[in-house]
Amino acid sequence: MSLTHQIADIVIGGLLAGVATFVLGAVVQPYLAISMGAFFAAMYYFSRNPWGSPNGAEYNDAIDDVYDRFLP
């Protein structure tokens, strides 16, 4: 995995954390929303299969193909 792919994973994880925190912040306590946002970002970054599907390798290959198409 190249450095640009890793940076893209970090950026997407950060966006996921921010959106999840913002959405959950309206429903639950702020500390729980922040924790859940960080959990979702970590789950994406470390597994890149956040939904736990048995087809995780296929999803990761598809994400890598998108990265190859748009990143140097």
PDB file of N, CA and C in Angstrom:
ATOM      1  N   MET A   1       0.856  -1.165   0.000  1.00  0.00           N
ATOM      2  CA  MET A   1       0.000   0.000   0.000  1.00  0.00           C
ATOM      3  C   MET A   1       0.903   1.229   0.000  1.00  0.00           C
ATOM      4  N   SER A   2       0.614   2.143  -0.888  1.00  0.00           N
ATOM      5  CA  SER A   2       1.457   3.322  -1.006  1.00  0.00           C
ATOM      6  C   SER A   2       1.115   4.361   0.057  1.00  0.00           C
ATOM      7  N   LEU A   3       1.988   5.344   0.165  1.00  0.00           N
ATOM      8  CA  LEU A   3       1.799   6.406   1.138  1.00  0.00           C
ATOM      9  C   LEU A   3       0.529   7.196   0.838  1.00  0.00           C
ATOM     10  N   THR A   4       0.242   7.446  -0.435  1.00  0.00           N
ATOM     11  CA  THR A   4      -0.972   8.202  -0.772  1.00  0.00           C
ATOM     12  C   THR A   4      -2.230   7.420  -0.397  1.00  0.00           C
ATOM     13  N   HIS A   5      -2.199   6.105  -0.517  1.00  0.00           N
ATOM     14  CA  HIS A   5      -3.352   5.289  -0.103  1.00  0.00           C
ATOM     15  C   HIS A   5      -3.549   5.383   1.400  1.00  0.00           C
ATOM     16  N   GLN A   6      -2.452   5.365   2.142  1.00  0.00           N
ATOM     17  CA  GLN A   6      -2.555   5.471   3.594  1.00  0.00           C
ATOM     18  C   GLN A   6      -3.075   6.850   4.008  1.00  0.00           C
ATOM     19  N   ILE A   7      -2.610   7.891   3.324  1.00  0.00           N
ATOM     20  CA  ILE A   7      -3.099   9.236   3.628  1.00  0.00           C
ATOM     21  C   ILE A   7      -4.583   9.343   3.301  1.00  0.00           C
ATOM     22  N   ALA A   8      -5.000   8.764   2.186  1.00  0.00           N
ATOM     23  CA  ALA A   8      -6.423   8.775   1.834  1.00  0.00           C
ATOM     24  C   ALA A   8      -7.243   8.032   2.886  1.00  0.00           C
ATOM     25  N   ASP A   9      -6.731   6.917   3.391  1.00  0.00           N
ATOM     26  CA  ASP A   9      -7.429   6.186   4.460  1.00  0.00           C
ATOM     27  C   ASP A   9      -7.577   7.051   5.708  1.00  0.00           C
ATOM     28  N   ILE A  10      -6.531   7.794   6.054  1.00  0.00           N
ATOM     29  CA  ILE A  10      -6.586   8.661   7.233  1.00  0.00           C
ATOM     30  C   ILE A  10      -7.593   9.784   7.029  1.00  0.00           C
ATOM     31  N   VAL A  11      -7.597  10.387   5.842  1.00  0.00           N
ATOM     32  CA  VAL A  11      -8.543  11.473   5.555  1.00  0.00           C
ATOM     33  C   VAL A  11      -9.983  10.958   5.585  1.00  0.00           C
ATOM     34  N   ILE A  12     -10.224   9.826   4.969  1.00  0.00           N
ATOM     35  CA  ILE A  12     -11.574   9.251   4.969  1.00  0.00           C
ATOM     36  C   ILE A  12     -11.985   8.866   6.388  1.00  0.00           C
ATOM     37  N   GLY A  13     -11.065   8.298   7.152  1.00  0.00           N
ATOM     38  CA  GLY A  13     -11.359   7.978   8.547  1.00  0.00           C
ATOM     39  C   GLY A  13     -11.692   9.228   9.351  1.00  0.00           C
ATOM     40  N   GLY A  14     -10.964  10.307   9.110  1.00  0.00           N
ATOM     41  CA  GLY A  14     -11.250  11.560   9.796  1.00  0.00           C
ATOM     42  C   GLY A  14     -12.601  12.140   9.415  1.00  0.00           C
ATOM     43  N   LEU A  15     -12.927  12.075   8.141  1.00  0.00           N
ATOM     44  CA  LEU A  15     -14.249  12.534   7.704  1.00  0.00           C
ATOM     45  C   LEU A  15     -15.350  11.685   8.318  1.00  0.00           C
ATOM     46  N   LEU A  16     -15.131  10.397   8.362  1.00  0.00           N
ATOM     47  CA  LEU A  16     -16.102   9.495   8.968  1.00  0.00           C
ATOM     48  C   LEU A  16     -16.287   9.810  10.445  1.00  0.00           C
ATOM     49  N   ALA A  17     -15.180  10.066  11.138  1.00  0.00           N
ATOM     50  CA  ALA A  17     -15.263  10.426  12.560  1.00  0.00           C
ATOM     51  C   ALA A  17     -16.007  11.736  12.751  1.00  0.00           C
ATOM     52  N   GLY A  18     -15.715  12.717  11.923  1.00  0.00           N
ATOM     53  CA  GLY A  18     -16.374  14.010  12.055  1.00  0.00           C
ATOM     54  C   GLY A  18     -17.865  13.945  11.786  1.00  0.00           C
ATOM     55  N   VAL A  19     -18.244  13.256  10.734  1.00  0.00           N
ATOM     56  CA  VAL A  19     -19.662  13.143  10.401  1.00  0.00           C
ATOM     57  C   VAL A  19     -20.404  12.340  11.473  1.00  0.00           C
ATOM     58  N   ALA A  20     -19.808  11.238  11.911  1.00  0.00           N
ATOM     59  CA  ALA A  20     -20.455  10.425  12.944  1.00  0.00           C
ATOM     60  C   ALA A  20     -20.599  11.209  14.243  1.00  0.00           C
ATOM     61  N   THR A  21     -19.577  11.962  14.612  1.00  0.00           N
ATOM     62  CA  THR A  21     -19.649  12.766  15.833  1.00  0.00           C
ATOM     63  C   THR A  21     -20.721  13.836  15.716  1.00  0.00           C
ATOM     64  N   PHE A  22     -20.791  14.485  14.574  1.00  0.00           N
ATOM     65  CA  PHE A  22     -21.787  15.536  14.364  1.00  0.00           C
ATOM     66  C   PHE A  22     -23.204  14.970  14.427  1.00  0.00           C
ATOM     67  N   VAL A  23     -23.428  13.861  13.738  1.00  0.00           N
ATOM     68  CA  VAL A  23     -24.769  13.268  13.701  1.00  0.00           C
ATOM     69  C   VAL A  23     -25.151  12.705  15.071  1.00  0.00           C
ATOM     70  N   LEU A  24     -24.251  11.977  15.683  1.00  0.00           N
ATOM     71  CA  LEU A  24     -24.558  11.381  16.983  1.00  0.00           C
ATOM     72  C   LEU A  24     -24.617  12.427  18.094  1.00  0.00           C
ATOM     73  N   GLY A  25     -23.933  13.542  17.912  1.00  0.00           N
ATOM     74  CA  GLY A  25     -23.938  14.588  18.920  1.00  0.00           C
ATOM     75  C   GLY A  25     -25.308  15.185  19.163  1.00  0.00           C
ATOM     76  N   ALA A  26     -26.177  15.104  18.167  1.00  0.00           N
ATOM     77  CA  ALA A  26     -27.534  15.617  18.323  1.00  0.00           C
ATOM     78  C   ALA A  26     -28.420  14.654  19.104  1.00  0.00           C
ATOM     79  N   VAL A  27     -27.988  13.414  19.248  1.00  0.00           N
ATOM     80  CA  VAL A  27     -28.829  12.394  19.862  1.00  0.00           C
ATOM     81  C   VAL A  27     -28.310  11.944  21.226  1.00  0.00           C
ATOM     82  N   VAL A  28     -27.010  11.814  21.367  1.00  0.00           N
ATOM     83  CA  VAL A  28     -26.428  11.294  22.605  1.00  0.00           C
ATOM     84  C   VAL A  28     -25.514  12.341  23.237  1.00  0.00           C
ATOM     85  N   GLN A  29     -24.953  12.018  24.380  1.00  0.00           N
ATOM     86  CA  GLN A  29     -24.040  12.932  25.059  1.00  0.00           C
ATOM     87  C   GLN A  29     -22.795  13.162  24.202  1.00  0.00           C
ATOM     88  N   PRO A  30     -22.211  14.361  24.292  1.00  0.00           N
ATOM     89  CA  PRO A  30     -21.055  14.676  23.441  1.00  0.00           C
ATOM     90  C   PRO A  30     -19.874  13.713  23.594  1.00  0.00           C
ATOM     91  N   TYR A  31     -19.579  13.293  24.821  1.00  0.00           N
ATOM     92  CA  TYR A  31     -18.441  12.391  25.001  1.00  0.00           C
ATOM     93  C   TYR A  31     -18.682  11.047  24.331  1.00  0.00           C
ATOM     94  N   LEU A  32     -19.894  10.567  24.385  1.00  0.00           N
ATOM     95  CA  LEU A  32     -20.215   9.308  23.712  1.00  0.00           C
ATOM     96  C   LEU A  32     -20.147   9.479  22.194  1.00  0.00           C
ATOM     97  N   ALA A  33     -20.611  10.613  21.690  1.00  0.00           N
ATOM     98  CA  ALA A  33     -20.555  10.871  20.248  1.00  0.00           C
ATOM     99  C   ALA A  33     -19.111  10.908  19.761  1.00  0.00           C
ATOM    100  N   ILE A  34     -18.230  11.543  20.521  1.00  0.00           N
ATOM    101  CA  ILE A  34     -16.815  11.598  20.144  1.00  0.00           C
ATOM    102  C   ILE A  34     -16.205  10.203  20.174  1.00  0.00           C
ATOM    103  N   SER A  35     -16.526   9.446  21.198  1.00  0.00           N
ATOM    104  CA  SER A  35     -15.996   8.076  21.298  1.00  0.00           C
ATOM    105  C   SER A  35     -16.479   7.214  20.146  1.00  0.00           C
ATOM    106  N   MET A  36     -17.746   7.325  19.809  1.00  0.00           N
ATOM    107  CA  MET A  36     -18.284   6.535  18.698  1.00  0.00           C
ATOM    108  C   MET A  36     -17.672   6.968  17.366  1.00  0.00           C
ATOM    109  N   GLY A  37     -17.495   8.260  17.172  1.00  0.00           N
ATOM    110  CA  GLY A  37     -16.847   8.742  15.951  1.00  0.00           C
ATOM    111  C   GLY A  37     -15.437   8.206  15.817  1.00  0.00           C
ATOM    112  N   ALA A  38     -14.682   8.238  16.910  1.00  0.00           N
ATOM    113  CA  ALA A  38     -13.324   7.687  16.886  1.00  0.00           C
ATOM    114  C   ALA A  38     -13.351   6.183  16.634  1.00  0.00           C
ATOM    115  N   PHE A  39     -14.320   5.498  17.204  1.00  0.00           N
ATOM    116  CA  PHE A  39     -14.451   4.063  16.986  1.00  0.00           C
ATOM    117  C   PHE A  39     -14.725   3.745  15.513  1.00  0.00           C
ATOM    118  N   PHE A  40     -15.645   4.486  14.888  1.00  0.00           N
ATOM    119  CA  PHE A  40     -15.951   4.258  13.470  1.00  0.00           C
ATOM    120  C   PHE A  40     -14.747   4.539  12.589  1.00  0.00           C
ATOM    121  N   ALA A  41     -14.011   5.612  12.895  1.00  0.00           N
ATOM    122  CA  ALA A  41     -12.825   5.934  12.102  1.00  0.00           C
ATOM    123  C   ALA A  41     -11.764   4.848  12.253  1.00  0.00           C
ATOM    124  N   ALA A  42     -11.539   4.388  13.479  1.00  0.00           N
ATOM    125  CA  ALA A  42     -10.552   3.328  13.695  1.00  0.00           C
ATOM    126  C   ALA A  42     -10.986   2.040  13.015  1.00  0.00           C
ATOM    127  N   MET A  43     -12.265   1.752  13.078  1.00  0.00           N
ATOM    128  CA  MET A  43     -12.772   0.542  12.448  1.00  0.00           C
ATOM    129  C   MET A  43     -12.549   0.595  10.936  1.00  0.00           C
ATOM    130  N   TYR A  44     -12.766   1.753  10.329  1.00  0.00           N
ATOM    131  CA  TYR A  44     -12.522   1.884   8.893  1.00  0.00           C
ATOM    132  C   TYR A  44     -11.031   1.777   8.593  1.00  0.00           C
ATOM    133  N   TYR A  45     -10.230   2.522   9.337  1.00  0.00           N
ATOM    134  CA  TYR A  45      -8.804   2.585   9.027  1.00  0.00           C
ATOM    135  C   TYR A  45      -8.124   1.238   9.208  1.00  0.00           C
ATOM    136  N   PHE A  46      -8.431   0.544  10.272  1.00  0.00           N
ATOM    137  CA  PHE A  46      -7.717  -0.691  10.556  1.00  0.00           C
ATOM    138  C   PHE A  46      -8.264  -1.898   9.816  1.00  0.00           C
ATOM    139  N   SER A  47      -9.504  -1.854   9.399  1.00  0.00           N
ATOM    140  CA  SER A  47     -10.040  -3.029   8.717  1.00  0.00           C
ATOM    141  C   SER A  47     -10.459  -2.736   7.282  1.00  0.00           C
ATOM    142  N   ARG A  48     -10.841  -1.493   7.003  1.00  0.00           N
ATOM    143  CA  ARG A  48     -11.397  -1.087   5.716  1.00  0.00           C
ATOM    144  C   ARG A  48     -12.537  -2.003   5.294  1.00  0.00           C
ATOM    145  N   ASN A  49     -13.168  -2.611   6.258  1.00  0.00           N
ATOM    146  CA  ASN A  49     -14.365  -3.399   6.040  1.00  0.00           C
ATOM    147  C   ASN A  49     -15.268  -3.140   7.238  1.00  0.00           C
ATOM    148  N   PRO A  50     -15.784  -1.910   7.363  1.00  0.00           N
ATOM    149  CA  PRO A  50     -16.453  -1.526   8.599  1.00  0.00           C
ATOM    150  C   PRO A  50     -17.766  -2.240   8.879  1.00  0.00           C
ATOM    151  N   TRP A  51     -18.311  -2.958   7.923  1.00  0.00           N
ATOM    152  CA  TRP A  51     -19.604  -3.592   8.160  1.00  0.00           C
ATOM    153  C   TRP A  51     -19.475  -5.062   8.506  1.00  0.00           C
ATOM    154  N   GLY A  52     -18.250  -5.586   8.555  1.00  0.00           N
ATOM    155  CA  GLY A  52     -18.036  -6.959   8.971  1.00  0.00           C
ATOM    156  C   GLY A  52     -18.539  -8.006   7.999  1.00  0.00           C
ATOM    157  N   SER A  53     -18.602  -7.675   6.743  1.00  0.00           N
ATOM    158  CA  SER A  53     -19.076  -8.615   5.739  1.00  0.00           C
ATOM    159  C   SER A  53     -18.037  -9.711   5.489  1.00  0.00           C
ATOM    160  N   PRO A  54     -18.473 -10.905   5.139  1.00  0.00           N
ATOM    161  CA  PRO A  54     -17.512 -11.954   4.807  1.00  0.00           C
ATOM    162  C   PRO A  54     -16.782 -11.678   3.489  1.00  0.00           C
ATOM    163  N   ASN A  55     -17.253 -10.696   2.729  1.00  0.00           N
ATOM    164  CA  ASN A  55     -16.622 -10.336   1.464  1.00  0.00           C
ATOM    165  C   ASN A  55     -15.641  -9.180   1.649  1.00  0.00           C
ATOM    166  N   GLY A  56     -14.965  -9.129   2.783  1.00  0.00           N
ATOM    167  CA  GLY A  56     -14.078  -8.019   3.107  1.00  0.00           C
ATOM    168  C   GLY A  56     -12.957  -7.829   2.109  1.00  0.00           C
ATOM    169  N   ALA A  57     -12.363  -8.919   1.623  1.00  0.00           N
ATOM    170  CA  ALA A  57     -11.268  -8.804   0.661  1.00  0.00           C
ATOM    171  C   ALA A  57     -11.745  -8.156  -0.633  1.00  0.00           C
ATOM    172  N   GLU A  58     -12.959  -8.472  -1.051  1.00  0.00           N
ATOM    173  CA  GLU A  58     -13.515  -7.859  -2.265  1.00  0.00           C
ATOM    174  C   GLU A  58     -13.728  -6.365  -2.076  1.00  0.00           C
ATOM    175  N   TYR A  59     -14.237  -5.969  -0.899  1.00  0.00           N
ATOM    176  CA  TYR A  59     -14.429  -4.542  -0.624  1.00  0.00           C
ATOM    177  C   TYR A  59     -13.093  -3.808  -0.605  1.00  0.00           C
ATOM    178  N   ASN A  60     -12.102  -4.395   0.033  1.00  0.00           N
ATOM    179  CA  ASN A  60     -10.788  -3.764   0.092  1.00  0.00           C
ATOM    180  C   ASN A  60     -10.167  -3.642  -1.290  1.00  0.00           C
ATOM    181  N   ASP A  61     -10.338  -4.659  -2.132  1.00  0.00           N
ATOM    182  CA  ASP A  61      -9.845  -4.580  -3.505  1.00  0.00           C
ATOM    183  C   ASP A  61     -10.557  -3.475  -4.280  1.00  0.00           C
ATOM    184  N   ALA A  62     -11.864  -3.330  -4.076  1.00  0.00           N
ATOM    185  CA  ALA A  62     -12.612  -2.277  -4.754  1.00  0.00           C
ATOM    186  C   ALA A  62     -12.148  -0.893  -4.296  1.00  0.00           C
ATOM    187  N   ILE A  63     -11.895  -0.739  -2.996  1.00  0.00           N
ATOM    188  CA  ILE A  63     -11.395   0.540  -2.483  1.00  0.00           C
ATOM    189  C   ILE A  63     -10.018   0.825  -3.065  1.00  0.00           C
ATOM    190  N   ASP A  64      -9.151  -0.185  -3.132  1.00  0.00           N
ATOM    191  CA  ASP A  64      -7.825   0.004  -3.724  1.00  0.00           C
ATOM    192  C   ASP A  64      -7.920   0.382  -5.192  1.00  0.00           C
ATOM    193  N   ASP A  65      -8.877  -0.186  -5.919  1.00  0.00           N
ATOM    194  CA  ASP A  65      -9.066   0.172  -7.327  1.00  0.00           C
ATOM    195  C   ASP A  65      -9.473   1.629  -7.481  1.00  0.00           C
ATOM    196  N   VAL A  66     -10.346   2.111  -6.593  1.00  0.00           N
ATOM    197  CA  VAL A  66     -10.749   3.519  -6.626  1.00  0.00           C
ATOM    198  C   VAL A  66      -9.544   4.409  -6.322  1.00  0.00           C
ATOM    199  N   TYR A  67      -8.759   4.025  -5.334  1.00  0.00           N
ATOM    200  CA  TYR A  67      -7.559   4.795  -5.011  1.00  0.00           C
ATOM    201  C   TYR A  67      -6.607   4.830  -6.209  1.00  0.00           C
ATOM    202  N   ASP A  68      -6.404   3.695  -6.860  1.00  0.00           N
ATOM    203  CA  ASP A  68      -5.505   3.643  -8.014  1.00  0.00           C
ATOM    204  C   ASP A  68      -5.999   4.518  -9.158  1.00  0.00           C
ATOM    205  N   ARG A  69      -7.307   4.622  -9.267  1.00  0.00           N
ATOM    206  CA  ARG A  69      -7.892   5.412 -10.347  1.00  0.00           C
ATOM    207  C   ARG A  69      -7.706   6.915 -10.115  1.00  0.00           C
ATOM    208  N   PHE A  70      -7.777   7.356  -8.857  1.00  0.00           N
ATOM    209  CA  PHE A  70      -7.764   8.788  -8.586  1.00  0.00           C
ATOM    210  C   PHE A  70      -6.473   9.308  -7.947  1.00  0.00           C
ATOM    211  N   LEU A  71      -5.670   8.443  -7.379  1.00  0.00           N
ATOM    212  CA  LEU A  71      -4.445   8.888  -6.705  1.00  0.00           C
ATOM    213  C   LEU A  71      -3.219   8.473  -7.500  1.00  0.00           C
ATOM    214  N   PRO A  72      -2.162   9.259  -7.369  1.00  0.00           N
ATOM    215  CA  PRO A  72      -0.928   8.888  -8.108  1.00  0.00           C
ATOM    216  C   PRO A  72      -0.239   7.681  -7.499  1.00  0.00           C
TER     217      PRO A  72
END
